[in-house]
N, C-alpha and C. Protein backbone atom coordinates (compact mmCIF):
# COMPACT_ATOMS: atom_id res chain seq x y z
N MET A 1 154.02 113.58 162.45
CA MET A 1 154.56 115.10 162.73
C MET A 1 153.85 115.79 161.80
N ASN A 2 153.56 116.96 162.24
CA ASN A 2 153.39 118.12 161.19
C ASN A 2 154.24 118.88 160.69
N LEU A 3 154.15 119.84 159.92
CA LEU A 3 155.11 120.66 159.47
C LEU A 3 155.77 121.56 160.26
N GLU A 4 155.14 122.17 161.01
CA GLU A 4 155.77 122.79 162.19
C GLU A 4 156.60 122.31 163.05
N GLU A 5 156.37 121.14 163.71
CA GLU A 5 157.03 119.99 164.41
C GLU A 5 158.18 119.76 163.80
N THR A 6 158.14 119.61 162.39
CA THR A 6 159.32 119.33 161.58
C THR A 6 160.35 120.24 161.58
N ARG A 7 159.94 121.50 161.60
CA ARG A 7 160.69 122.90 161.07
C ARG A 7 161.63 122.79 162.61
N SER A 8 160.39 122.73 163.59
CA SER A 8 161.20 123.20 165.28
C SER A 8 162.08 122.05 165.27
N ASN A 9 162.03 120.73 164.87
CA ASN A 9 163.05 119.78 165.15
C ASN A 9 164.39 120.03 164.15
N MET A 10 164.12 120.77 163.21
CA MET A 10 165.41 121.12 162.45
C MET A 10 166.30 122.22 162.96
N VAL A 11 165.35 123.00 163.54
CA VAL A 11 165.91 124.18 164.45
C VAL A 11 166.76 123.97 165.78
N THR A 12 166.10 122.80 166.39
CA THR A 12 166.54 122.21 167.76
C THR A 12 167.79 121.21 167.62
N GLN A 13 167.49 120.19 166.47
CA GLN A 13 168.67 119.17 166.41
C GLN A 13 169.53 119.42 165.50
N GLN A 14 169.28 120.14 164.52
CA GLN A 14 170.52 120.32 163.78
C GLN A 14 171.03 121.66 163.41
N ILE A 15 170.65 122.86 164.03
CA ILE A 15 170.95 124.18 163.79
C ILE A 15 171.34 124.45 165.45
N ARG A 16 170.97 124.50 166.43
CA ARG A 16 171.41 124.82 167.33
C ARG A 16 172.49 124.01 168.00
N THR A 17 172.45 123.04 167.72
CA THR A 17 173.73 121.94 168.01
C THR A 17 174.90 122.36 167.05
N TRP A 18 174.65 122.92 166.28
CA TRP A 18 175.92 123.31 165.17
C TRP A 18 176.04 124.87 165.67
N ASN A 19 176.08 125.47 166.94
CA ASN A 19 176.35 126.58 167.67
C ASN A 19 175.86 127.79 167.03
N VAL A 20 174.80 127.77 166.35
CA VAL A 20 173.74 128.68 165.88
C VAL A 20 172.93 129.07 167.15
N LEU A 21 173.32 130.25 167.79
CA LEU A 21 172.30 130.48 169.55
C LEU A 21 171.73 131.81 169.03
N ASP A 22 171.93 132.49 168.00
CA ASP A 22 171.39 133.90 167.75
C ASP A 22 169.87 133.78 167.74
N ASP A 23 169.27 134.36 168.71
CA ASP A 23 167.79 134.03 168.79
C ASP A 23 167.14 134.81 167.43
N GLU A 24 167.80 136.20 167.16
CA GLU A 24 167.55 136.51 165.64
C GLU A 24 167.40 135.83 164.16
N VAL A 25 168.21 134.98 164.29
CA VAL A 25 168.53 134.11 163.28
C VAL A 25 167.61 132.78 163.59
N LEU A 26 167.38 132.40 164.56
CA LEU A 26 166.70 131.29 164.99
C LEU A 26 165.36 131.24 164.36
N ASN A 27 164.68 132.92 164.78
CA ASN A 27 163.30 133.34 164.69
C ASN A 27 163.34 133.40 163.16
N LEU A 28 164.39 133.64 162.24
CA LEU A 28 164.08 133.83 160.75
C LEU A 28 163.84 132.82 160.13
N LEU A 29 164.49 131.63 161.00
CA LEU A 29 164.32 130.27 160.44
C LEU A 29 162.83 129.61 160.48
N TYR A 30 162.03 130.10 161.40
CA TYR A 30 160.66 130.07 161.72
C TYR A 30 159.88 130.74 160.60
N LYS A 31 159.96 132.08 160.39
CA LYS A 31 159.48 132.95 159.75
C LYS A 31 159.48 132.80 158.21
N LEU A 32 160.82 132.25 157.43
CA LEU A 32 160.93 132.51 156.04
C LEU A 32 160.71 130.68 155.87
N HIS A 33 159.84 130.44 155.40
CA HIS A 33 159.61 129.07 155.38
C HIS A 33 160.20 128.23 154.26
N ARG A 34 161.25 127.47 154.54
CA ARG A 34 162.56 126.74 153.88
C ARG A 34 161.53 125.80 152.70
N GLU A 35 160.55 125.17 152.94
CA GLU A 35 160.06 124.37 151.82
C GLU A 35 159.16 124.94 150.91
N LYS A 36 159.20 126.40 151.15
CA LYS A 36 158.61 127.08 149.98
C LYS A 36 159.75 127.38 148.87
N PHE A 37 160.93 127.19 148.91
CA PHE A 37 162.00 127.49 148.11
C PHE A 37 162.66 126.28 147.95
N VAL A 38 162.17 125.19 147.92
CA VAL A 38 163.10 124.01 147.19
C VAL A 38 162.14 123.55 145.91
N LEU A 39 162.64 122.60 145.20
CA LEU A 39 161.97 122.40 144.08
C LEU A 39 160.89 121.21 144.71
N ALA A 40 159.71 120.93 143.94
CA ALA A 40 158.68 120.51 144.19
C ALA A 40 158.88 118.97 144.90
N ALA A 41 159.78 118.13 143.83
CA ALA A 41 160.22 116.94 143.93
C ALA A 41 161.00 116.73 145.27
N TYR A 42 161.65 117.45 146.11
CA TYR A 42 162.43 117.37 147.06
C TYR A 42 161.46 118.43 148.25
N HIS A 43 160.16 118.75 148.08
CA HIS A 43 159.52 119.30 149.30
C HIS A 43 159.81 118.40 150.76
N ASP A 44 159.62 117.12 150.53
CA ASP A 44 159.51 116.19 151.70
C ASP A 44 161.11 116.46 152.49
N MET A 45 161.74 116.60 151.43
CA MET A 45 163.50 117.13 152.61
C MET A 45 163.88 118.39 152.63
N ALA A 46 163.15 119.25 152.77
CA ALA A 46 163.52 120.60 152.77
C ALA A 46 163.92 120.75 154.49
N PHE A 47 163.77 119.85 155.67
CA PHE A 47 164.25 119.86 156.70
C PHE A 47 165.05 118.81 157.13
N VAL A 48 165.79 118.22 155.73
CA VAL A 48 166.79 117.36 156.27
C VAL A 48 168.19 117.90 156.09
N ASP A 49 168.90 117.34 156.87
CA ASP A 49 170.29 117.67 157.08
C ASP A 49 171.05 117.31 155.74
N MET A 50 171.20 117.98 154.47
CA MET A 50 171.73 117.56 153.53
C MET A 50 171.72 118.66 152.36
N GLU A 51 172.57 118.73 151.34
CA GLU A 51 172.33 119.55 150.19
C GLU A 51 171.01 119.18 149.41
N ILE A 52 170.25 120.09 148.93
CA ILE A 52 169.24 119.59 148.24
C ILE A 52 169.46 119.75 146.80
N PRO A 53 169.66 119.09 145.85
CA PRO A 53 169.66 119.19 143.91
C PRO A 53 168.83 120.66 143.74
N LEU A 54 169.36 121.25 142.94
CA LEU A 54 168.48 122.30 142.10
C LEU A 54 168.81 122.14 140.85
N GLY A 55 169.43 121.25 140.25
CA GLY A 55 169.45 120.97 138.74
C GLY A 55 170.93 121.56 138.43
N HIS A 56 171.34 121.11 137.32
CA HIS A 56 172.57 121.84 136.59
C HIS A 56 174.03 121.28 137.48
N GLY A 57 173.81 120.43 138.07
CA GLY A 57 174.70 120.20 138.99
C GLY A 57 174.86 120.81 140.25
N GLN A 58 174.18 121.93 140.77
CA GLN A 58 174.15 122.57 141.57
C GLN A 58 173.17 122.22 142.97
N VAL A 59 173.31 123.04 143.98
CA VAL A 59 172.56 122.47 144.99
C VAL A 59 172.39 123.45 146.26
N MET A 60 171.27 123.43 146.90
CA MET A 60 170.97 124.39 148.01
C MET A 60 171.70 123.82 149.17
N LEU A 61 172.51 125.09 149.68
CA LEU A 61 173.08 124.51 151.12
C LEU A 61 172.36 123.99 152.07
N ALA A 62 172.82 122.97 153.09
CA ALA A 62 172.27 122.37 154.03
C ALA A 62 171.63 123.35 154.96
N PRO A 63 170.71 123.23 155.75
CA PRO A 63 170.03 124.21 156.99
C PRO A 63 170.85 124.58 157.58
N LYS A 64 171.93 123.64 158.34
CA LYS A 64 172.90 124.30 159.43
C LYS A 64 173.61 125.28 158.69
N MET A 65 174.20 124.83 157.39
CA MET A 65 175.19 125.75 156.92
C MET A 65 174.42 127.20 156.62
N GLU A 66 173.29 127.53 156.20
CA GLU A 66 172.75 128.51 155.78
C GLU A 66 172.48 129.54 157.11
N ALA A 67 172.28 129.03 158.20
CA ALA A 67 172.00 129.53 159.70
C ALA A 67 173.57 129.66 159.84
N ARG A 68 174.03 129.17 159.89
CA ARG A 68 175.64 129.38 160.41
C ARG A 68 176.03 130.66 159.57
N ILE A 69 176.05 130.40 158.68
CA ILE A 69 176.33 131.99 157.64
C ILE A 69 176.21 132.98 158.10
N LEU A 70 174.71 132.88 158.05
CA LEU A 70 173.88 134.25 158.67
C LEU A 70 174.21 134.70 159.99
N GLN A 71 174.80 133.48 160.89
CA GLN A 71 174.98 134.39 162.23
C GLN A 71 176.51 134.44 162.18
N GLU A 72 177.45 134.07 161.58
CA GLU A 72 178.70 134.50 161.30
C GLU A 72 179.23 135.48 160.93
N LEU A 73 178.08 136.27 159.94
CA LEU A 73 178.23 137.42 159.19
C LEU A 73 178.19 138.78 159.92
N ASN A 74 177.06 138.33 161.36
CA ASN A 74 176.54 139.60 161.97
C ASN A 74 176.20 140.62 161.32
N ILE A 75 175.30 140.26 160.32
CA ILE A 75 174.84 141.53 159.49
C ILE A 75 173.61 142.39 159.97
N LYS A 76 173.94 144.05 159.75
CA LYS A 76 173.43 144.72 160.44
C LYS A 76 172.29 145.45 159.06
N LYS A 77 171.39 146.19 159.78
CA LYS A 77 170.19 146.62 158.87
C LYS A 77 170.64 147.60 157.85
N THR A 78 172.04 148.22 158.17
CA THR A 78 172.39 149.23 157.08
C THR A 78 173.17 148.40 156.04
N ASP A 79 173.67 147.32 156.09
CA ASP A 79 174.46 146.70 155.14
C ASP A 79 174.21 146.39 153.94
N LYS A 80 174.63 146.66 152.90
CA LYS A 80 174.88 146.10 151.62
C LYS A 80 175.32 144.99 151.18
N ILE A 81 174.72 144.13 150.57
CA ILE A 81 175.15 142.77 150.65
C ILE A 81 175.22 142.34 149.18
N LEU A 82 176.33 141.65 148.79
CA LEU A 82 176.78 140.77 147.76
C LEU A 82 176.45 139.33 147.83
N GLU A 83 175.60 138.99 146.87
CA GLU A 83 175.43 137.01 147.09
C GLU A 83 175.85 136.51 145.96
N VAL A 84 176.72 135.91 145.92
CA VAL A 84 177.09 135.10 144.34
C VAL A 84 176.44 133.94 144.37
N GLY A 85 175.66 133.54 143.70
CA GLY A 85 175.24 131.84 143.52
C GLY A 85 173.39 132.65 143.96
N SER A 86 172.36 132.70 143.46
CA SER A 86 170.96 133.02 143.92
C SER A 86 170.79 131.79 144.21
N GLY A 87 170.72 130.63 143.27
CA GLY A 87 170.11 129.26 143.63
C GLY A 87 168.63 129.63 143.69
N SER A 88 167.70 129.04 144.69
CA SER A 88 166.37 129.24 144.84
C SER A 88 166.12 130.46 145.51
N GLY A 89 166.67 131.25 146.07
CA GLY A 89 166.42 132.34 146.52
C GLY A 89 166.35 132.46 147.96
N TYR A 90 166.62 131.24 148.57
CA TYR A 90 166.06 131.08 150.06
C TYR A 90 167.44 132.18 150.53
N MET A 91 168.76 131.70 150.78
CA MET A 91 169.73 132.39 151.07
C MET A 91 169.56 133.93 150.79
N THR A 92 169.28 134.05 149.87
CA THR A 92 169.14 135.73 149.26
C THR A 92 167.93 136.22 150.18
N ALA A 93 166.90 135.59 150.36
CA ALA A 93 165.76 135.93 151.43
C ALA A 93 166.25 136.11 152.64
N LEU A 94 166.92 135.32 153.15
CA LEU A 94 167.59 135.54 154.66
C LEU A 94 168.38 136.43 154.82
N LEU A 95 169.36 136.82 153.71
CA LEU A 95 169.87 137.96 153.82
C LEU A 95 169.35 139.24 153.81
N ALA A 96 168.20 139.13 153.12
CA ALA A 96 167.45 140.50 152.67
C ALA A 96 166.77 141.04 154.00
N GLU A 97 166.38 139.89 154.70
CA GLU A 97 165.65 140.04 155.68
C GLU A 97 166.54 140.57 157.22
N LYS A 98 167.72 140.44 156.88
CA LYS A 98 168.62 141.08 158.09
C LYS A 98 169.50 142.14 157.63
N GLY A 99 169.58 142.35 156.22
CA GLY A 99 170.47 143.51 155.68
C GLY A 99 169.42 144.83 154.86
N ALA A 100 170.27 145.70 154.41
CA ALA A 100 169.48 146.86 153.80
C ALA A 100 169.08 146.52 152.31
N HIS A 101 170.01 145.83 151.51
CA HIS A 101 169.81 145.57 150.22
C HIS A 101 170.82 144.41 149.86
N VAL A 102 170.24 143.68 148.88
CA VAL A 102 171.02 142.51 148.56
C VAL A 102 171.28 142.48 147.17
N TYR A 103 172.27 142.43 146.33
CA TYR A 103 172.59 142.50 145.17
C TYR A 103 173.08 140.99 144.65
N SER A 104 171.95 140.11 144.34
CA SER A 104 172.37 138.54 144.05
C SER A 104 172.66 138.39 142.41
N VAL A 105 173.71 137.67 142.39
CA VAL A 105 174.08 137.46 140.84
C VAL A 105 174.00 135.78 140.64
N GLU A 106 173.43 135.45 139.67
CA GLU A 106 173.11 134.13 139.08
C GLU A 106 173.58 133.83 138.02
N ILE A 107 174.48 132.79 137.31
CA ILE A 107 174.63 132.51 136.08
C ILE A 107 173.77 131.60 135.51
N ILE A 108 172.80 131.15 135.96
CA ILE A 108 171.93 129.97 135.31
C ILE A 108 170.83 130.83 135.29
N PRO A 109 170.21 131.19 133.91
CA PRO A 109 169.02 131.75 134.14
C PRO A 109 167.87 131.19 134.75
N GLU A 110 167.51 129.87 134.62
CA GLU A 110 166.59 129.03 135.01
C GLU A 110 166.27 129.44 136.66
N PHE A 111 167.54 129.46 137.21
CA PHE A 111 167.50 129.83 138.90
C PHE A 111 167.52 131.37 139.09
N LYS A 112 167.75 131.97 138.16
CA LYS A 112 167.45 133.57 138.60
C LYS A 112 165.88 133.60 138.35
N GLY A 113 165.12 133.11 137.30
CA GLY A 113 163.55 133.00 137.47
C GLY A 113 162.87 132.51 138.57
N MET A 114 163.81 131.34 139.45
CA MET A 114 163.36 130.45 140.20
C MET A 114 163.05 131.61 141.58
N ALA A 115 164.34 132.22 141.66
CA ALA A 115 164.77 133.12 142.66
C ALA A 115 163.70 134.52 142.60
N GLU A 116 163.39 135.00 141.61
CA GLU A 116 162.52 135.71 141.25
C GLU A 116 161.24 135.46 141.89
N LYS A 117 160.68 134.65 141.59
CA LYS A 117 159.59 133.88 141.67
C LYS A 117 159.13 133.98 143.13
N ASN A 118 160.16 133.02 143.69
CA ASN A 118 160.13 132.69 145.13
C ASN A 118 160.28 134.03 146.06
N LEU A 119 161.19 134.95 145.94
CA LEU A 119 161.21 136.47 146.38
C LEU A 119 159.92 136.98 146.48
N ALA A 120 159.40 137.27 145.14
CA ALA A 120 157.87 137.86 144.90
C ALA A 120 156.96 137.17 145.77
N ALA A 121 156.77 135.80 145.74
CA ALA A 121 155.98 135.17 146.83
C ALA A 121 155.77 135.50 147.94
N HIS A 122 157.20 136.27 148.55
CA HIS A 122 157.26 136.29 149.96
C HIS A 122 157.62 137.80 150.18
N ASP A 123 156.98 138.66 149.54
CA ASP A 123 156.91 140.15 149.22
C ASP A 123 158.22 140.80 149.77
N ILE A 124 159.34 140.16 148.98
CA ILE A 124 160.68 140.28 149.57
C ILE A 124 161.33 141.29 148.23
N SER A 125 161.43 142.58 148.36
CA SER A 125 161.90 143.45 147.47
C SER A 125 163.12 144.35 147.56
N ASN A 126 163.67 144.34 148.48
CA ASN A 126 164.93 144.72 148.56
C ASN A 126 166.33 143.95 148.25
N VAL A 127 166.09 143.29 147.00
CA VAL A 127 166.94 142.63 146.60
C VAL A 127 166.92 142.89 144.86
N THR A 128 168.20 142.94 144.42
CA THR A 128 168.50 142.96 142.76
C THR A 128 169.30 142.14 142.33
N LEU A 129 168.42 141.27 141.57
CA LEU A 129 168.63 139.94 141.01
C LEU A 129 169.34 140.20 139.70
N GLU A 130 170.63 139.60 139.26
CA GLU A 130 170.99 139.78 137.88
C GLU A 130 171.72 138.44 137.48
N GLN A 131 171.54 138.42 136.21
CA GLN A 131 172.17 137.30 135.72
C GLN A 131 173.68 137.46 135.25
N GLY A 132 174.68 136.65 135.67
CA GLY A 132 175.83 136.79 135.07
C GLY A 132 176.93 135.77 135.94
N ASP A 133 177.84 136.03 135.63
CA ASP A 133 179.19 135.26 135.73
C ASP A 133 179.76 136.01 137.06
N ALA A 134 179.90 135.57 138.37
CA ALA A 134 180.47 136.70 139.31
C ALA A 134 181.36 135.45 139.84
N ALA A 135 181.69 134.41 139.85
CA ALA A 135 182.55 133.43 140.65
C ALA A 135 183.89 134.18 140.59
N GLN A 136 184.07 134.86 139.83
CA GLN A 136 185.71 135.48 140.04
C GLN A 136 185.38 137.14 140.01
N GLY A 137 184.32 137.39 140.83
CA GLY A 137 184.07 139.01 141.33
C GLY A 137 182.73 139.65 140.51
N TRP A 138 182.23 140.62 141.13
CA TRP A 138 181.31 141.52 140.84
C TRP A 138 181.53 142.72 141.68
N SER A 139 182.29 143.58 140.54
CA SER A 139 182.34 145.04 140.99
C SER A 139 181.51 146.20 141.00
N LYS A 140 180.11 145.92 140.30
CA LYS A 140 179.39 146.70 139.52
C LYS A 140 178.99 147.44 140.76
N TYR A 141 178.42 147.05 141.79
CA TYR A 141 177.93 147.72 142.89
C TYR A 141 178.51 147.71 144.29
N ALA A 142 180.01 147.73 143.92
CA ALA A 142 181.20 147.70 145.14
C ALA A 142 180.97 149.12 145.36
N PRO A 143 181.62 149.30 146.90
CA PRO A 143 181.98 148.32 147.65
C PRO A 143 180.64 147.72 148.55
N TYR A 144 180.73 146.66 149.13
CA TYR A 144 179.99 145.95 149.95
C TYR A 144 180.24 145.50 151.56
N ASP A 145 179.31 145.86 152.34
CA ASP A 145 179.42 145.51 153.63
C ASP A 145 179.51 144.08 153.89
N VAL A 146 178.94 143.42 153.00
CA VAL A 146 179.25 142.09 153.36
C VAL A 146 178.81 141.00 151.76
N ILE A 147 179.54 140.15 151.72
CA ILE A 147 180.10 139.11 150.72
C ILE A 147 179.54 138.09 150.99
N VAL A 148 178.77 137.16 150.59
CA VAL A 148 178.34 135.74 150.51
C VAL A 148 178.49 135.00 149.25
N LEU A 149 179.59 134.12 149.23
CA LEU A 149 179.82 132.87 148.21
C LEU A 149 179.07 131.93 148.32
N THR A 150 178.16 131.32 147.78
CA THR A 150 177.16 130.02 148.49
C THR A 150 177.70 128.91 147.83
N GLY A 151 178.62 128.97 146.84
CA GLY A 151 179.35 128.07 146.21
C GLY A 151 180.72 127.89 146.73
N SER A 152 181.61 126.78 146.51
CA SER A 152 182.95 126.77 146.69
C SER A 152 183.77 127.17 145.68
N THR A 153 185.19 127.53 145.99
CA THR A 153 186.07 127.95 145.14
C THR A 153 187.50 127.31 145.27
N PRO A 154 188.23 126.73 144.49
CA PRO A 154 189.51 126.24 144.81
C PRO A 154 190.43 127.22 145.15
N VAL A 155 190.39 128.48 144.45
CA VAL A 155 191.34 129.68 145.09
C VAL A 155 190.04 131.11 145.12
N LEU A 156 190.47 131.67 146.03
CA LEU A 156 189.54 132.90 146.60
C LEU A 156 190.12 133.98 145.96
N PRO A 157 189.70 134.39 144.69
CA PRO A 157 190.13 135.81 144.05
C PRO A 157 189.80 136.99 144.79
N GLU A 158 191.56 137.55 145.01
CA GLU A 158 191.42 138.89 145.73
C GLU A 158 190.56 140.03 145.66
N ILE A 159 189.61 140.03 144.39
CA ILE A 159 188.66 141.16 144.12
C ILE A 159 187.80 141.23 145.00
N PHE A 160 187.14 139.91 145.46
CA PHE A 160 186.14 140.01 146.61
C PHE A 160 186.88 140.57 147.90
N GLN A 161 187.83 140.27 148.63
CA GLN A 161 188.15 141.08 149.64
C GLN A 161 188.38 142.69 149.29
N ASN A 162 188.60 142.90 148.08
CA ASN A 162 189.02 144.26 147.86
C ASN A 162 187.99 145.16 147.37
N SER A 163 186.70 144.36 147.25
CA SER A 163 185.12 145.01 147.22
C SER A 163 184.60 144.90 148.54
N LEU A 164 185.16 145.11 149.49
CA LEU A 164 184.74 145.27 150.90
C LEU A 164 184.74 146.56 151.41
N ASN A 165 183.73 146.79 152.05
CA ASN A 165 184.05 148.55 152.96
C ASN A 165 184.85 147.94 154.03
N PRO A 166 185.44 149.18 154.58
CA PRO A 166 186.14 148.89 156.07
C PRO A 166 185.15 148.37 156.89
N GLY A 167 185.72 147.10 157.54
CA GLY A 167 184.97 146.52 158.47
C GLY A 167 183.90 145.30 157.94
N GLY A 168 184.13 145.31 156.65
CA GLY A 168 183.21 144.41 155.89
C GLY A 168 183.65 142.63 156.35
N ARG A 169 182.53 142.10 155.68
CA ARG A 169 183.05 140.36 155.93
C ARG A 169 182.67 139.64 154.61
N LEU A 170 183.17 139.16 154.35
CA LEU A 170 183.19 137.95 153.16
C LEU A 170 183.19 136.74 153.81
N PHE A 171 182.01 135.76 153.39
CA PHE A 171 182.16 134.27 153.64
C PHE A 171 182.41 133.65 152.36
N ALA A 172 183.11 132.88 152.85
CA ALA A 172 183.54 131.85 151.49
C ALA A 172 184.19 130.43 151.83
N ILE A 173 183.76 129.40 150.98
CA ILE A 173 184.22 128.16 151.06
C ILE A 173 185.22 127.76 150.16
N VAL A 174 186.57 127.87 150.14
CA VAL A 174 187.87 127.76 149.63
C VAL A 174 188.69 126.54 149.85
N GLY A 175 189.06 125.73 148.54
CA GLY A 175 189.75 124.62 148.49
C GLY A 175 189.15 123.67 147.81
N GLU A 176 189.70 122.45 147.71
CA GLU A 176 189.25 121.57 146.59
C GLU A 176 189.02 120.42 147.47
N GLU A 177 188.25 118.95 146.57
CA GLU A 177 187.75 117.89 147.53
C GLU A 177 189.25 117.41 147.89
N PRO A 178 189.35 116.78 149.16
CA PRO A 178 187.94 116.35 149.59
C PRO A 178 187.58 116.98 151.09
N VAL A 179 188.32 118.21 151.19
CA VAL A 179 188.24 118.96 152.43
C VAL A 179 188.42 120.57 151.84
N MET A 180 187.39 121.04 152.12
CA MET A 180 187.38 122.50 152.07
C MET A 180 187.25 123.49 153.22
N ASP A 181 187.65 124.59 153.36
CA ASP A 181 187.58 125.37 154.60
C ASP A 181 186.63 126.65 154.51
N ALA A 182 185.53 126.82 155.23
CA ALA A 182 184.73 127.54 155.47
C ALA A 182 185.19 128.78 156.32
N GLU A 183 185.13 129.98 155.58
CA GLU A 183 186.03 131.40 156.19
C GLU A 183 185.22 132.22 156.17
N ILE A 184 185.79 133.25 156.74
CA ILE A 184 185.03 134.66 157.21
C ILE A 184 186.48 135.41 157.26
N ILE A 185 186.06 136.58 156.29
CA ILE A 185 187.47 137.26 155.85
C ILE A 185 187.19 138.75 156.36
N THR A 186 187.66 139.44 157.15
CA THR A 186 187.02 140.65 157.46
C THR A 186 188.16 142.03 157.00
N TYR A 187 187.69 142.77 156.40
CA TYR A 187 188.55 144.16 156.35
C TYR A 187 188.64 145.06 157.45
N VAL A 188 189.98 145.01 157.97
CA VAL A 188 190.46 145.49 159.36
C VAL A 188 190.97 146.91 158.89
N ALA A 189 191.77 147.33 158.09
CA ALA A 189 192.44 148.45 157.86
C ALA A 189 192.85 148.29 156.45
N PRO A 190 193.17 149.52 155.67
CA PRO A 190 193.66 149.54 154.10
C PRO A 190 194.71 148.31 153.74
N GLY A 191 194.21 147.35 153.36
CA GLY A 191 195.21 146.38 152.60
C GLY A 191 195.34 145.24 154.03
N GLU A 192 194.64 145.22 154.90
CA GLU A 192 194.88 144.30 156.24
C GLU A 192 193.58 143.84 156.33
N PHE A 193 193.44 142.63 156.15
CA PHE A 193 192.44 141.33 156.33
C PHE A 193 192.76 140.42 157.61
N ASN A 194 191.63 139.95 158.19
CA ASN A 194 191.84 138.87 158.86
C ASN A 194 191.01 137.54 158.52
N THR A 195 191.38 136.61 158.65
CA THR A 195 190.78 135.36 158.19
C THR A 195 190.50 134.59 159.31
N THR A 196 189.42 134.29 159.56
CA THR A 196 188.76 133.10 160.53
C THR A 196 188.42 132.05 160.14
N LYS A 197 189.04 130.83 160.11
CA LYS A 197 188.63 129.44 159.60
C LYS A 197 187.26 129.12 160.78
N LEU A 198 186.24 129.01 160.22
CA LEU A 198 185.31 128.50 161.05
C LEU A 198 185.04 126.91 161.00
N PHE A 199 185.24 126.14 160.03
CA PHE A 199 185.01 124.55 160.06
C PHE A 199 185.56 124.31 158.62
N GLU A 200 185.60 122.76 158.50
CA GLU A 200 186.10 122.30 156.91
C GLU A 200 184.99 121.70 156.73
N THR A 201 184.63 121.62 155.47
CA THR A 201 183.30 121.37 154.86
C THR A 201 183.59 120.91 153.37
N SER A 202 182.44 120.41 152.56
CA SER A 202 182.67 120.45 151.05
C SER A 202 181.36 120.54 150.39
N THR A 203 181.75 121.32 149.46
CA THR A 203 180.21 121.59 148.67
C THR A 203 180.78 121.77 147.06
N VAL A 204 179.79 121.93 146.10
CA VAL A 204 180.02 122.17 145.12
C VAL A 204 180.56 123.69 144.47
N PRO A 205 181.54 123.38 143.84
CA PRO A 205 182.05 124.67 143.33
C PRO A 205 181.46 125.45 142.26
N PHE A 206 181.73 126.63 142.45
CA PHE A 206 181.02 127.43 141.33
C PHE A 206 181.54 126.93 139.85
N ILE A 207 180.33 127.47 138.73
CA ILE A 207 180.87 127.26 137.60
C ILE A 207 181.99 128.37 137.07
N ASN A 208 182.78 128.39 136.52
CA ASN A 208 183.78 129.17 136.13
C ASN A 208 184.71 129.39 137.38
N ALA A 209 184.70 128.83 138.56
CA ALA A 209 185.77 129.07 139.64
C ALA A 209 187.06 129.43 139.33
N GLN A 210 187.66 130.15 139.76
CA GLN A 210 189.17 130.44 139.85
C GLN A 210 189.70 129.22 140.10
N GLN A 211 190.60 128.54 139.29
CA GLN A 211 191.50 127.60 139.85
C GLN A 211 192.97 127.58 140.02
N PRO A 212 193.42 126.69 140.66
CA PRO A 212 194.76 127.00 141.16
C PRO A 212 195.82 126.66 140.02
N LYS A 213 197.03 127.42 139.95
CA LYS A 213 197.85 127.28 138.86
C LYS A 213 198.57 125.67 138.99
N ARG A 214 198.51 125.04 137.82
CA ARG A 214 199.13 123.81 137.95
C ARG A 214 200.46 123.80 137.36
N PHE A 215 201.46 122.90 137.55
CA PHE A 215 202.42 122.73 137.32
C PHE A 215 202.44 121.78 135.84
N THR A 216 203.17 121.97 134.79
CA THR A 216 203.15 121.42 133.72
C THR A 216 204.73 121.35 133.20
N PHE A 217 204.89 119.92 132.83
CA PHE A 217 206.18 119.67 132.30
C PHE A 217 206.41 119.13 131.10
C-alpha cells in the first residue's frame, strides 16, 4: 500500500467515521501531509489512530481529534486564532489554512524550533510563533475569534473565554484522568457563554495547567 492509499484510509476509516464530514476539512488533510510533521522515528505511524510522542512527555493529538477540532470550530477566513501548544506545528498549519492569522504559543523551546521549521517548509507565513507559558492564558493579542488548547487542563481558566470576541469559539479538553470532556465554549453575549460537550477523551495535561483546589486537613 502506498502513502496516498494509507492517507486515504486514514480519512475514510478513522476521520469520516468520527463524524467529520466537512469537505473543506477533509480536503485539507490530503493537502497538508501529516507525515512531514511527525518525528522521523514515528514516520510510519503518522496515519495511525493514536497520539504520537513528541518528547518531554508531550504528544501530537490523534488524526481524528485534529480533524474534529477543526470542524467543530467552524473557522472563518477572517478569524484571529490563539493556539496554546504548538507541538510539531501540524495543528498550527491546519488552523493557519482555515483562518486569517494564528498566534501559537509553545513552552518548550525545542518544539517551537520544530514548528518553525515545519511551517517554513510548507510556506505557511500567517503564523506568529512565540515561546512562553500560555497554559493559564495569553492575552497579548486578545481578543481572539478562536482559541485552541492542544493539551488538557484539569480546570479551565476563565481568562480563555474572557479573551474571546463576541461569537468567538474556544476548544478545550477539561478534567483529569481517567475521563475528560472535550468542549466548545462560545461567546454568546457579554458575560454569557454556551458550553457544548463534544465527547469524552483523555490526553496529556499542559505543563503548569491550572489545578483544582484540594481540601487539606
